[in-house]
């Protein structure tokens, strides 16, 4: 695969409103964030632990982040929001 989410990089931000993770795109590490609103949308509003929801939908999240980052390889980060899903 041309991208991979680094498992030990996944963490809830101190403010509790985003999850930060690192994605390697063609071997280059990029910083990504996904809002809890986007996670809630992926989980269809059922509630639950943000990190567990992230893990459940990690393939889809990785694909979406890769889609944004692969458009311009010079971009170093991306923030995924609810409208992205």
C-alpha atoms as a PDB file:
ATOM      1  CA  UNK A   1       0.000   0.000   0.000  1.00  0.00           C
ATOM      2  CA  UNK A   2       1.265   3.519  -0.696  1.00  0.00           C
ATOM      3  CA  UNK A   3       0.197   4.651   2.809  1.00  0.00           C
ATOM      4  CA  UNK A   4       0.094   3.328   6.358  1.00  0.00           C
ATOM      5  CA  UNK A   5      -1.237   4.645   9.667  1.00  0.00           C
ATOM      6  CA  UNK A   6       1.501   4.336  12.272  1.00  0.00           C
ATOM      7  CA  UNK A   7      -0.262   2.472  15.073  1.00  0.00           C
ATOM      8  CA  UNK A   8       1.695   3.922  17.990  1.00  0.00           C
ATOM      9  CA  UNK A   9       1.086   7.498  16.762  1.00  0.00           C
ATOM     10  CA  UNK A  10      -2.676   7.502  17.417  1.00  0.00           C
ATOM     11  CA  UNK A  11      -3.598   9.780  20.334  1.00  0.00           C
ATOM     12  CA  UNK A  12      -6.435  11.938  21.582  1.00  0.00           C
ATOM     13  CA  UNK A  13      -5.387  15.605  21.600  1.00  0.00           C
ATOM     14  CA  UNK A  14      -5.278  17.235  25.074  1.00  0.00           C
ATOM     15  CA  UNK A  15      -8.340  19.400  24.307  1.00  0.00           C
ATOM     16  CA  UNK A  16     -10.266  16.199  23.518  1.00  0.00           C
ATOM     17  CA  UNK A  17     -11.685  17.515  20.238  1.00  0.00           C
ATOM     18  CA  UNK A  18      -9.444  15.663  17.744  1.00  0.00           C
ATOM     19  CA  UNK A  19      -7.424  12.504  17.343  1.00  0.00           C
ATOM     20  CA  UNK A  20      -3.938  12.977  15.955  1.00  0.00           C
ATOM     21  CA  UNK A  21      -2.197  10.254  13.972  1.00  0.00           C
ATOM     22  CA  UNK A  22       0.720   9.920  11.586  1.00  0.00           C
ATOM     23  CA  UNK A  23       0.325   8.537   8.113  1.00  0.00           C
ATOM     24  CA  UNK A  24       3.221   7.564   5.896  1.00  0.00           C
ATOM     25  CA  UNK A  25       2.540   8.474   2.271  1.00  0.00           C
ATOM     26  CA  UNK A  26       5.041   6.938  -0.151  1.00  0.00           C
ATOM     27  CA  UNK A  27       7.472   6.654   2.784  1.00  0.00           C
ATOM     28  CA  UNK A  28       7.072  10.263   3.990  1.00  0.00           C
ATOM     29  CA  UNK A  29       5.468  10.820   7.403  1.00  0.00           C
ATOM     30  CA  UNK A  30       2.509  13.241   7.525  1.00  0.00           C
ATOM     31  CA  UNK A  31       0.546  14.483  10.545  1.00  0.00           C
ATOM     32  CA  UNK A  32      -3.203  14.021  10.371  1.00  0.00           C
ATOM     33  CA  UNK A  33      -6.080  14.913  12.632  1.00  0.00           C
ATOM     34  CA  UNK A  34      -9.716  13.844  12.651  1.00  0.00           C
ATOM     35  CA  UNK A  35     -12.345  15.766  14.571  1.00  0.00           C
ATOM     36  CA  UNK A  36     -14.569  14.015  17.097  1.00  0.00           C
ATOM     37  CA  UNK A  37     -17.514  15.316  15.048  1.00  0.00           C
ATOM     38  CA  UNK A  38     -16.234  13.286  12.088  1.00  0.00           C
ATOM     39  CA  UNK A  39     -15.796  10.251  14.334  1.00  0.00           C
ATOM     40  CA  UNK A  40     -19.340  10.701  15.627  1.00  0.00           C
ATOM     41  CA  UNK A  41     -20.567  10.779  12.023  1.00  0.00           C
ATOM     42  CA  UNK A  42     -18.649   7.598  11.170  1.00  0.00           C
ATOM     43  CA  UNK A  43     -20.150   5.940  14.248  1.00  0.00           C
ATOM     44  CA  UNK A  44     -23.607   7.193  13.204  1.00  0.00           C
ATOM     45  CA  UNK A  45     -24.053   9.007  16.514  1.00  0.00           C
ATOM     46  CA  UNK A  46     -24.073   5.845  18.619  1.00  0.00           C
ATOM     47  CA  UNK A  47     -21.504   7.211  21.071  1.00  0.00           C
ATOM     48  CA  UNK A  48     -18.556   5.426  22.529  1.00  0.00           C
ATOM     49  CA  UNK A  49     -14.834   5.745  23.015  1.00  0.00           C
ATOM     50  CA  UNK A  50     -13.178   7.934  20.351  1.00  0.00           C
ATOM     51  CA  UNK A  51     -10.102   5.723  20.027  1.00  0.00           C
ATOM     52  CA  UNK A  52     -12.255   2.611  19.605  1.00  0.00           C
ATOM     53  CA  UNK A  53     -14.332   4.341  16.906  1.00  0.00           C
ATOM     54  CA  UNK A  54     -11.086   5.384  15.190  1.00  0.00           C
ATOM     55  CA  UNK A  55      -9.791   1.816  15.282  1.00  0.00           C
ATOM     56  CA  UNK A  56     -13.072   0.470  13.880  1.00  0.00           C
ATOM     57  CA  UNK A  57     -12.951   2.888  10.927  1.00  0.00           C
ATOM     58  CA  UNK A  58      -9.168   3.164  10.487  1.00  0.00           C
ATOM     59  CA  UNK A  59      -9.206   1.856   6.899  1.00  0.00           C
ATOM     60  CA  UNK A  60     -11.745   4.448   5.752  1.00  0.00           C
ATOM     61  CA  UNK A  61      -9.987   7.227   7.702  1.00  0.00           C
ATOM     62  CA  UNK A  62      -6.629   6.250   6.190  1.00  0.00           C
ATOM     63  CA  UNK A  63      -8.086   6.183   2.681  1.00  0.00           C
ATOM     64  CA  UNK A  64      -9.613   9.642   3.094  1.00  0.00           C
ATOM     65  CA  UNK A  65      -6.417  11.152   4.541  1.00  0.00           C
ATOM     66  CA  UNK A  66      -4.368   9.566   1.748  1.00  0.00           C
ATOM     67  CA  UNK A  67      -6.758  10.961  -0.874  1.00  0.00           C
ATOM     68  CA  UNK A  68      -6.144  14.494   0.398  1.00  0.00           C
ATOM     69  CA  UNK A  69      -2.405  14.145   0.948  1.00  0.00           C
ATOM     70  CA  UNK A  70      -1.670  12.419  -2.363  1.00  0.00           C
ATOM     71  CA  UNK A  71      -3.115  15.368  -4.325  1.00  0.00           C
ATOM     72  CA  UNK A  72      -0.184  17.507  -3.218  1.00  0.00           C
ATOM     73  CA  UNK A  73       2.773  15.656  -1.729  1.00  0.00           C
ATOM     74  CA  UNK A  74       4.224  18.913  -0.381  1.00  0.00           C
ATOM     75  CA  UNK A  75       1.332  19.257   2.096  1.00  0.00           C
ATOM     76  CA  UNK A  76       2.510  18.137   5.530  1.00  0.00           C
ATOM     77  CA  UNK A  77      -0.818  17.666   7.319  1.00  0.00           C
ATOM     78  CA  UNK A  78      -4.580  17.349   6.942  1.00  0.00           C
ATOM     79  CA  UNK A  79      -7.584  17.731   9.231  1.00  0.00           C
ATOM     80  CA  UNK A  80     -10.548  15.491   8.465  1.00  0.00           C
ATOM     81  CA  UNK A  81     -13.958  16.877   9.374  1.00  0.00           C
ATOM     82  CA  UNK A  82     -17.517  15.505   9.403  1.00  0.00           C
ATOM     83  CA  UNK A  83     -18.233  16.716   5.865  1.00  0.00           C
ATOM     84  CA  UNK A  84     -15.371  14.544   4.594  1.00  0.00           C
ATOM     85  CA  UNK A  85     -17.423  11.456   5.421  1.00  0.00           C
END
